[in-house]
Amino acid sequence: MDADLLRADLAALYPQYGLRVAHRGTVLLAPTDEELLELADIVAEPGGIVAPGRAGELLGWPEDDGAVAARRFLEWAWRLRETPSAARWRAPLAVLDGGRALGLAVLAHELDDPAGTVRTSSWLARAEQGRGLGRRVRLMLLELAFGPLGMARAVTAAAEGNAASRRVSAACGYRETHRETGTDGVVEVHAAVTPAAWRRKRLRDVEVEGADAFLAAISG
């Protein structure tokens, strides 16, 4: 089945599959299994996301590779396919650039989050890092969050040693709020951005589709 037709069928059941955010050839949209398998190949490759031995820079990311890592990623991604509600929702979006799946971005609101707060996270294949794509993806994600979804605050977290991720956050208007030490001993740097700060960094000509149905589902 054509991927777009499959997404349309899924969107009838899970409105997050109708979301699409585009900007100058880069597209964020809910991944079908075809795109998830492409992403699983990146995850499985040694050093596919971070340099070997530096997996601790990604919070909660085990140092596996190969089939073990691919299965772990797919099982995690499949669990995100749940009916969204006002209390909790997740919107995973594959990063497509030039028609290829290069990474994953996620908007989420968890049960213990204050109303109007959204969590943002993303990763890219290491081969695609360092060319400004990470910043563009984050700003596209914030366009969805602060534009049609009407969120009041976006938060993120990165390991203290993940300087690249922290630079992307700062470039998008996030400011550090606090630090925590995880159970693995890694210092987590938490940051937040408001719509006012984001507007000073906002990309022009970002196209957002499918937000109305998703907003209706999460508005209770």
C-alpha atoms as a PDB file:
ATOM      1  CA  MET A   1       0.000   0.000   0.000  1.00  0.00           C
ATOM      2  CA  ASP A   2       1.164   3.529  -0.767  1.00  0.00           C
ATOM      3  CA  ALA A   3       2.636   5.165   2.368  1.00  0.00           C
ATOM      4  CA  ASP A   4       0.389   8.236   2.101  1.00  0.00           C
ATOM      5  CA  LEU A   5      -2.737   6.086   1.746  1.00  0.00           C
ATOM      6  CA  LEU A   6      -1.649   4.017   4.734  1.00  0.00           C
ATOM      7  CA  ARG A   7      -1.095   7.186   6.774  1.00  0.00           C
ATOM      8  CA  ALA A   8      -4.567   8.407   5.808  1.00  0.00           C
ATOM      9  CA  ASP A   9      -6.117   5.128   6.986  1.00  0.00           C
ATOM     10  CA  LEU A  10      -4.168   5.307  10.254  1.00  0.00           C
ATOM     11  CA  ALA A  11      -5.190   8.952  10.741  1.00  0.00           C
ATOM     12  CA  ALA A  12      -8.836   7.874  10.861  1.00  0.00           C
ATOM     13  CA  LEU A  13      -7.952   5.907  14.007  1.00  0.00           C
ATOM     14  CA  TYR A  14      -5.008   7.882  15.380  1.00  0.00           C
ATOM     15  CA  PRO A  15      -5.188  11.588  14.423  1.00  0.00           C
ATOM     16  CA  GLN A  16      -1.460  12.083  15.005  1.00  0.00           C
ATOM     17  CA  TYR A  17      -0.982  10.236  11.693  1.00  0.00           C
ATOM     18  CA  GLY A  18      -2.608  13.153   9.911  1.00  0.00           C
ATOM     19  CA  LEU A  19       0.031  15.625  11.084  1.00  0.00           C
ATOM     20  CA  ARG A  20       2.457  16.996   8.493  1.00  0.00           C
ATOM     21  CA  VAL A  21       4.936  19.850   8.923  1.00  0.00           C
ATOM     22  CA  ALA A  22       7.031  20.981   5.949  1.00  0.00           C
ATOM     23  CA  HIS A  23       9.720  23.567   5.304  1.00  0.00           C
ATOM     24  CA  ARG A  24      11.895  23.826   2.188  1.00  0.00           C
ATOM     25  CA  GLY A  25      12.166  20.146   1.401  1.00  0.00           C
ATOM     26  CA  THR A  26      12.222  18.909   4.992  1.00  0.00           C
ATOM     27  CA  VAL A  27       9.052  17.137   6.117  1.00  0.00           C
ATOM     28  CA  LEU A  28       7.937  15.862   9.528  1.00  0.00           C
ATOM     29  CA  LEU A  29       5.183  13.252   9.443  1.00  0.00           C
ATOM     30  CA  ALA A  30       4.044  10.231  11.447  1.00  0.00           C
ATOM     31  CA  PRO A  31       6.149   7.217  10.459  1.00  0.00           C
ATOM     32  CA  THR A  32       4.696   4.082   8.953  1.00  0.00           C
ATOM     33  CA  ASP A  33       6.545   0.806   9.472  1.00  0.00           C
ATOM     34  CA  GLU A  34       8.471   1.459   6.262  1.00  0.00           C
ATOM     35  CA  GLU A  35      10.009   4.638   7.680  1.00  0.00           C
ATOM     36  CA  LEU A  36      10.483   3.036  11.093  1.00  0.00           C
ATOM     37  CA  LEU A  37      12.529   0.276   9.476  1.00  0.00           C
ATOM     38  CA  GLU A  38      14.691   2.908   7.764  1.00  0.00           C
ATOM     39  CA  LEU A  39      15.232   4.578  11.132  1.00  0.00           C
ATOM     40  CA  ALA A  40      15.913   1.226  12.787  1.00  0.00           C
ATOM     41  CA  ASP A  41      18.758   0.717  10.298  1.00  0.00           C
ATOM     42  CA  ILE A  42      20.311   3.986  11.490  1.00  0.00           C
ATOM     43  CA  VAL A  43      19.885   3.003  15.135  1.00  0.00           C
ATOM     44  CA  ALA A  44      21.420  -0.428  14.481  1.00  0.00           C
ATOM     45  CA  GLU A  45      24.536   0.941  12.784  1.00  0.00           C
ATOM     46  CA  PRO A  46      27.488   1.353  15.199  1.00  0.00           C
ATOM     47  CA  GLY A  47      27.961   5.093  15.586  1.00  0.00           C
ATOM     48  CA  GLY A  48      24.831   5.741  13.533  1.00  0.00           C
ATOM     49  CA  ILE A  49      23.627   8.489  15.862  1.00  0.00           C
ATOM     50  CA  VAL A  50      26.561   9.284  18.158  1.00  0.00           C
ATOM     51  CA  ALA A  51      30.213   8.368  17.982  1.00  0.00           C
ATOM     52  CA  PRO A  52      31.059   4.951  19.456  1.00  0.00           C
ATOM     53  CA  GLY A  53      31.449   5.100  23.223  1.00  0.00           C
ATOM     54  CA  ARG A  54      29.451   8.333  23.544  1.00  0.00           C
ATOM     55  CA  ALA A  55      25.932   6.882  23.775  1.00  0.00           C
ATOM     56  CA  GLY A  56      25.698   8.356  27.279  1.00  0.00           C
ATOM     57  CA  GLU A  57      25.153  11.728  25.614  1.00  0.00           C
ATOM     58  CA  LEU A  58      21.655  10.537  24.684  1.00  0.00           C
ATOM     59  CA  LEU A  59      19.484  10.288  27.774  1.00  0.00           C
ATOM     60  CA  GLY A  60      18.241   6.748  28.340  1.00  0.00           C
ATOM     61  CA  TRP A  61      19.936   5.419  25.198  1.00  0.00           C
ATOM     62  CA  PRO A  62      21.571   1.995  25.797  1.00  0.00           C
ATOM     63  CA  GLU A  63      24.887   1.274  24.135  1.00  0.00           C
ATOM     64  CA  ASP A  64      23.538  -1.585  21.999  1.00  0.00           C
ATOM     65  CA  ASP A  65      23.787  -1.794  18.226  1.00  0.00           C
ATOM     66  CA  GLY A  66      22.787  -4.289  15.552  1.00  0.00           C
ATOM     67  CA  ALA A  67      19.575  -6.303  15.761  1.00  0.00           C
ATOM     68  CA  VAL A  68      19.185  -5.744  19.511  1.00  0.00           C
ATOM     69  CA  ALA A  69      19.134  -1.976  19.065  1.00  0.00           C
ATOM     70  CA  ALA A  70      16.829  -2.169  16.044  1.00  0.00           C
ATOM     71  CA  ARG A  71      14.278  -4.292  17.932  1.00  0.00           C
ATOM     72  CA  ARG A  72      14.452  -2.038  20.991  1.00  0.00           C
ATOM     73  CA  PHE A  73      13.816   1.034  18.846  1.00  0.00           C
ATOM     74  CA  LEU A  74      10.904  -0.522  16.953  1.00  0.00           C
ATOM     75  CA  GLU A  75       9.219  -1.776  20.121  1.00  0.00           C
ATOM     76  CA  TRP A  76       9.534   1.684  21.683  1.00  0.00           C
ATOM     77  CA  ALA A  77       8.195   3.400  18.543  1.00  0.00           C
ATOM     78  CA  TRP A  78       5.233   1.024  18.241  1.00  0.00           C
ATOM     79  CA  ARG A  79       4.231   1.807  21.846  1.00  0.00           C
ATOM     80  CA  LEU A  80       3.751   5.447  20.809  1.00  0.00           C
ATOM     81  CA  ARG A  81       0.795   4.387  18.670  1.00  0.00           C
ATOM     82  CA  GLU A  82      -1.917   5.085  21.191  1.00  0.00           C
ATOM     83  CA  THR A  83      -5.129   7.063  21.236  1.00  0.00           C
ATOM     84  CA  PRO A  84      -4.330  10.663  22.247  1.00  0.00           C
ATOM     85  CA  SER A  85      -6.243  12.368  25.036  1.00  0.00           C
ATOM     86  CA  ALA A  86      -6.073  15.622  26.959  1.00  0.00           C
ATOM     87  CA  ALA A  87      -4.265  13.836  29.799  1.00  0.00           C
ATOM     88  CA  ARG A  88      -1.551  12.188  27.699  1.00  0.00           C
ATOM     89  CA  TRP A  89      -0.551  12.173  24.061  1.00  0.00           C
ATOM     90  CA  ARG A  90       2.487  11.432  21.899  1.00  0.00           C
ATOM     91  CA  ALA A  91       3.125  12.558  18.345  1.00  0.00           C
ATOM     92  CA  PRO A  92       6.204  10.886  16.794  1.00  0.00           C
ATOM     93  CA  LEU A  93       7.254  12.465  13.503  1.00  0.00           C
ATOM     94  CA  ALA A  94       9.819  11.023  11.123  1.00  0.00           C
ATOM     95  CA  VAL A  95      12.288  13.552   9.701  1.00  0.00           C
ATOM     96  CA  LEU A  96      12.301  13.220   5.918  1.00  0.00           C
ATOM     97  CA  ASP A  97      14.761  15.227   3.868  1.00  0.00           C
ATOM     98  CA  GLY A  98      15.219  14.525   0.184  1.00  0.00           C
ATOM     99  CA  GLY A  99      12.662  11.741   0.575  1.00  0.00           C
ATOM    100  CA  ARG A 100      14.824   9.797   3.040  1.00  0.00           C
ATOM    101  CA  ALA A 101      14.061   9.136   6.718  1.00  0.00           C
ATOM    102  CA  LEU A 102      16.983  10.689   8.615  1.00  0.00           C
ATOM    103  CA  GLY A 103      15.727  10.974  12.185  1.00  0.00           C
ATOM    104  CA  LEU A 104      12.788  11.240  14.526  1.00  0.00           C
ATOM    105  CA  ALA A 105      11.165  14.140  16.375  1.00  0.00           C
ATOM    106  CA  VAL A 106       8.564  13.711  19.127  1.00  0.00           C
ATOM    107  CA  LEU A 107       6.041  16.057  20.718  1.00  0.00           C
ATOM    108  CA  ALA A 108       4.494  14.667  23.895  1.00  0.00           C
ATOM    109  CA  HIS A 109       2.382  15.595  26.882  1.00  0.00           C
ATOM    110  CA  GLU A 110       2.582  13.215  29.841  1.00  0.00           C
ATOM    111  CA  LEU A 111       0.159  12.653  32.714  1.00  0.00           C
ATOM    112  CA  ASP A 112       2.157  14.742  35.207  1.00  0.00           C
ATOM    113  CA  ASP A 113       2.807  17.689  32.873  1.00  0.00           C
ATOM    114  CA  PRO A 114       1.110  21.033  33.585  1.00  0.00           C
ATOM    115  CA  ALA A 115      -1.621  22.029  31.157  1.00  0.00           C
ATOM    116  CA  GLY A 116      -0.195  23.683  28.060  1.00  0.00           C
ATOM    117  CA  THR A 117       3.257  22.135  28.469  1.00  0.00           C
ATOM    118  CA  VAL A 118       4.719  19.981  25.722  1.00  0.00           C
ATOM    119  CA  ARG A 119       7.898  17.905  25.701  1.00  0.00           C
ATOM    120  CA  THR A 120      10.155  18.104  22.650  1.00  0.00           C
ATOM    121  CA  SER A 121      12.841  15.639  21.640  1.00  0.00           C
ATOM    122  CA  SER A 122      14.602  14.693  18.421  1.00  0.00           C
ATOM    123  CA  TRP A 123      17.568  12.875  16.942  1.00  0.00           C
ATOM    124  CA  LEU A 124      19.263  12.720  13.545  1.00  0.00           C
ATOM    125  CA  ALA A 125      21.590  10.264  11.879  1.00  0.00           C
ATOM    126  CA  ARG A 126      25.164  11.293  12.689  1.00  0.00           C
ATOM    127  CA  ALA A 127      25.938  11.701   8.987  1.00  0.00           C
ATOM    128  CA  GLU A 128      23.272  14.448   8.820  1.00  0.00           C
ATOM    129  CA  GLN A 129      24.366  16.383  11.881  1.00  0.00           C
ATOM    130  CA  GLY A 130      26.258  19.665  11.768  1.00  0.00           C
ATOM    131  CA  ARG A 131      24.472  21.212   8.763  1.00  0.00           C
ATOM    132  CA  GLY A 132      21.673  23.049  10.529  1.00  0.00           C
ATOM    133  CA  LEU A 133      19.023  20.390  10.039  1.00  0.00           C
ATOM    134  CA  GLY A 134      18.619  19.788  13.787  1.00  0.00           C
ATOM    135  CA  ARG A 135      17.782  23.433  14.418  1.00  0.00           C
ATOM    136  CA  ARG A 136      15.312  23.488  11.526  1.00  0.00           C
ATOM    137  CA  VAL A 137      13.570  20.337  12.756  1.00  0.00           C
ATOM    138  CA  ARG A 138      13.235  21.713  16.291  1.00  0.00           C
ATOM    139  CA  LEU A 139      11.776  24.999  15.031  1.00  0.00           C
ATOM    140  CA  MET A 140       9.350  23.086  12.813  1.00  0.00           C
ATOM    141  CA  LEU A 141       8.300  21.069  15.845  1.00  0.00           C
ATOM    142  CA  LEU A 142       7.741  24.291  17.796  1.00  0.00           C
ATOM    143  CA  GLU A 143       5.712  25.726  14.906  1.00  0.00           C
ATOM    144  CA  LEU A 144       3.265  22.862  15.400  1.00  0.00           C
ATOM    145  CA  ALA A 145       3.307  23.149  19.194  1.00  0.00           C
ATOM    146  CA  PHE A 146       2.943  26.924  19.531  1.00  0.00           C
ATOM    147  CA  GLY A 147       0.960  27.542  16.358  1.00  0.00           C
ATOM    148  CA  PRO A 148      -2.141  25.401  15.767  1.00  0.00           C
ATOM    149  CA  LEU A 149      -1.833  23.355  18.979  1.00  0.00           C
ATOM    150  CA  GLY A 150      -1.647  26.502  21.128  1.00  0.00           C
ATOM    151  CA  MET A 151       0.841  25.193  23.704  1.00  0.00           C
ATOM    152  CA  ALA A 152       2.147  27.671  26.301  1.00  0.00           C
ATOM    153  CA  ARG A 153       5.558  26.143  27.051  1.00  0.00           C
ATOM    154  CA  ALA A 154       7.904  23.584  25.538  1.00  0.00           C
ATOM    155  CA  VAL A 155      10.520  21.721  27.549  1.00  0.00           C
ATOM    156  CA  THR A 156      13.456  19.501  26.670  1.00  0.00           C
ATOM    157  CA  ALA A 157      16.390  17.796  28.357  1.00  0.00           C
ATOM    158  CA  ALA A 158      19.887  16.745  27.305  1.00  0.00           C
ATOM    159  CA  ALA A 159      22.871  15.167  28.981  1.00  0.00           C
ATOM    160  CA  GLU A 160      25.352  17.721  30.281  1.00  0.00           C
ATOM    161  CA  GLY A 161      27.953  16.351  27.861  1.00  0.00           C
ATOM    162  CA  ASN A 162      25.684  16.638  24.810  1.00  0.00           C
ATOM    163  CA  ALA A 163      26.911  20.049  23.738  1.00  0.00           C
ATOM    164  CA  ALA A 164      25.456  19.783  20.221  1.00  0.00           C
ATOM    165  CA  SER A 165      21.897  19.215  21.455  1.00  0.00           C
ATOM    166  CA  ARG A 166      22.191  21.991  23.987  1.00  0.00           C
ATOM    167  CA  ARG A 167      23.410  24.396  21.295  1.00  0.00           C
ATOM    168  CA  VAL A 168      20.408  23.541  19.135  1.00  0.00           C
ATOM    169  CA  SER A 169      18.065  24.228  22.064  1.00  0.00           C
ATOM    170  CA  ALA A 170      19.723  27.575  22.797  1.00  0.00           C
ATOM    171  CA  ALA A 171      19.531  28.548  19.111  1.00  0.00           C
ATOM    172  CA  CYS A 172      15.766  27.890  19.204  1.00  0.00           C
ATOM    173  CA  GLY A 173      15.193  30.113  22.245  1.00  0.00           C
ATOM    174  CA  TYR A 174      15.270  27.528  25.055  1.00  0.00           C
ATOM    175  CA  ARG A 175      16.800  28.591  28.355  1.00  0.00           C
ATOM    176  CA  GLU A 176      18.092  26.315  31.094  1.00  0.00           C
ATOM    177  CA  THR A 177      15.677  25.851  33.987  1.00  0.00           C
ATOM    178  CA  HIS A 178      17.393  23.288  36.225  1.00  0.00           C
ATOM    179  CA  ARG A 179      19.671  20.248  36.392  1.00  0.00           C
ATOM    180  CA  GLU A 180      19.043  16.763  37.728  1.00  0.00           C
ATOM    181  CA  THR A 181      21.245  13.719  38.182  1.00  0.00           C
ATOM    182  CA  GLY A 182      19.673  10.585  36.729  1.00  0.00           C
ATOM    183  CA  THR A 183      19.794   7.120  38.234  1.00  0.00           C
ATOM    184  CA  ASP A 184      22.717   6.352  35.900  1.00  0.00           C
ATOM    185  CA  GLY A 185      24.678   9.294  37.305  1.00  0.00           C
ATOM    186  CA  VAL A 186      24.319  11.394  34.141  1.00  0.00           C
ATOM    187  CA  VAL A 187      23.603  15.083  34.775  1.00  0.00           C
ATOM    188  CA  GLU A 188      20.486  16.101  32.850  1.00  0.00           C
ATOM    189  CA  VAL A 189      20.185  19.734  31.752  1.00  0.00           C
ATOM    190  CA  HIS A 190      16.539  20.822  31.467  1.00  0.00           C
ATOM    191  CA  ALA A 191      15.461  23.806  29.392  1.00  0.00           C
ATOM    192  CA  ALA A 192      12.236  25.521  28.352  1.00  0.00           C
ATOM    193  CA  VAL A 193      11.014  27.938  25.707  1.00  0.00           C
ATOM    194  CA  THR A 194       7.892  30.105  25.539  1.00  0.00           C
ATOM    195  CA  PRO A 195       6.036  31.257  22.424  1.00  0.00           C
ATOM    196  CA  ALA A 196       7.436  34.787  22.853  1.00  0.00           C
ATOM    197  CA  ALA A 197      11.044  33.546  22.820  1.00  0.00           C
ATOM    198  CA  TRP A 198      10.348  31.154  19.937  1.00  0.00           C
ATOM    199  CA  ARG A 199       8.838  33.875  17.730  1.00  0.00           C
ATOM    200  CA  ARG A 200      12.207  35.655  17.649  1.00  0.00           C
ATOM    201  CA  LYS A 201      13.690  32.476  16.099  1.00  0.00           C
ATOM    202  CA  ARG A 202      10.671  31.408  14.040  1.00  0.00           C
ATOM    203  CA  LEU A 203      11.151  30.024  10.537  1.00  0.00           C
ATOM    204  CA  ARG A 204       9.205  31.563   7.701  1.00  0.00           C
ATOM    205  CA  ASP A 205       6.923  29.601   5.396  1.00  0.00           C
ATOM    206  CA  VAL A 206       6.451  26.514   7.556  1.00  0.00           C
ATOM    207  CA  GLU A 207       3.406  24.539   6.379  1.00  0.00           C
ATOM    208  CA  VAL A 208       1.339  22.608   8.940  1.00  0.00           C
ATOM    209  CA  GLU A 209      -1.426  20.167   7.988  1.00  0.00           C
ATOM    210  CA  GLY A 210      -3.717  17.890   9.958  1.00  0.00           C
ATOM    211  CA  ALA A 211      -3.557  19.837  13.200  1.00  0.00           C
ATOM    212  CA  ASP A 212      -7.296  20.442  13.585  1.00  0.00           C
ATOM    213  CA  ALA A 213      -8.235  16.777  14.039  1.00  0.00           C
ATOM    214  CA  PHE A 214      -5.336  16.199  16.411  1.00  0.00           C
ATOM    215  CA  LEU A 215      -6.177  19.304  18.449  1.00  0.00           C
ATOM    216  CA  ALA A 216      -9.779  18.122  18.765  1.00  0.00           C
ATOM    217  CA  ALA A 217      -8.542  14.786  20.134  1.00  0.00           C
ATOM    218  CA  ILE A 218      -6.269  16.329  22.781  1.00  0.00           C
ATOM    219  CA  SER A 219      -8.641  19.083  23.855  1.00  0.00           C
ATOM    220  CA  GLY A 220     -10.901  16.689  25.700  1.00  0.00           C
END
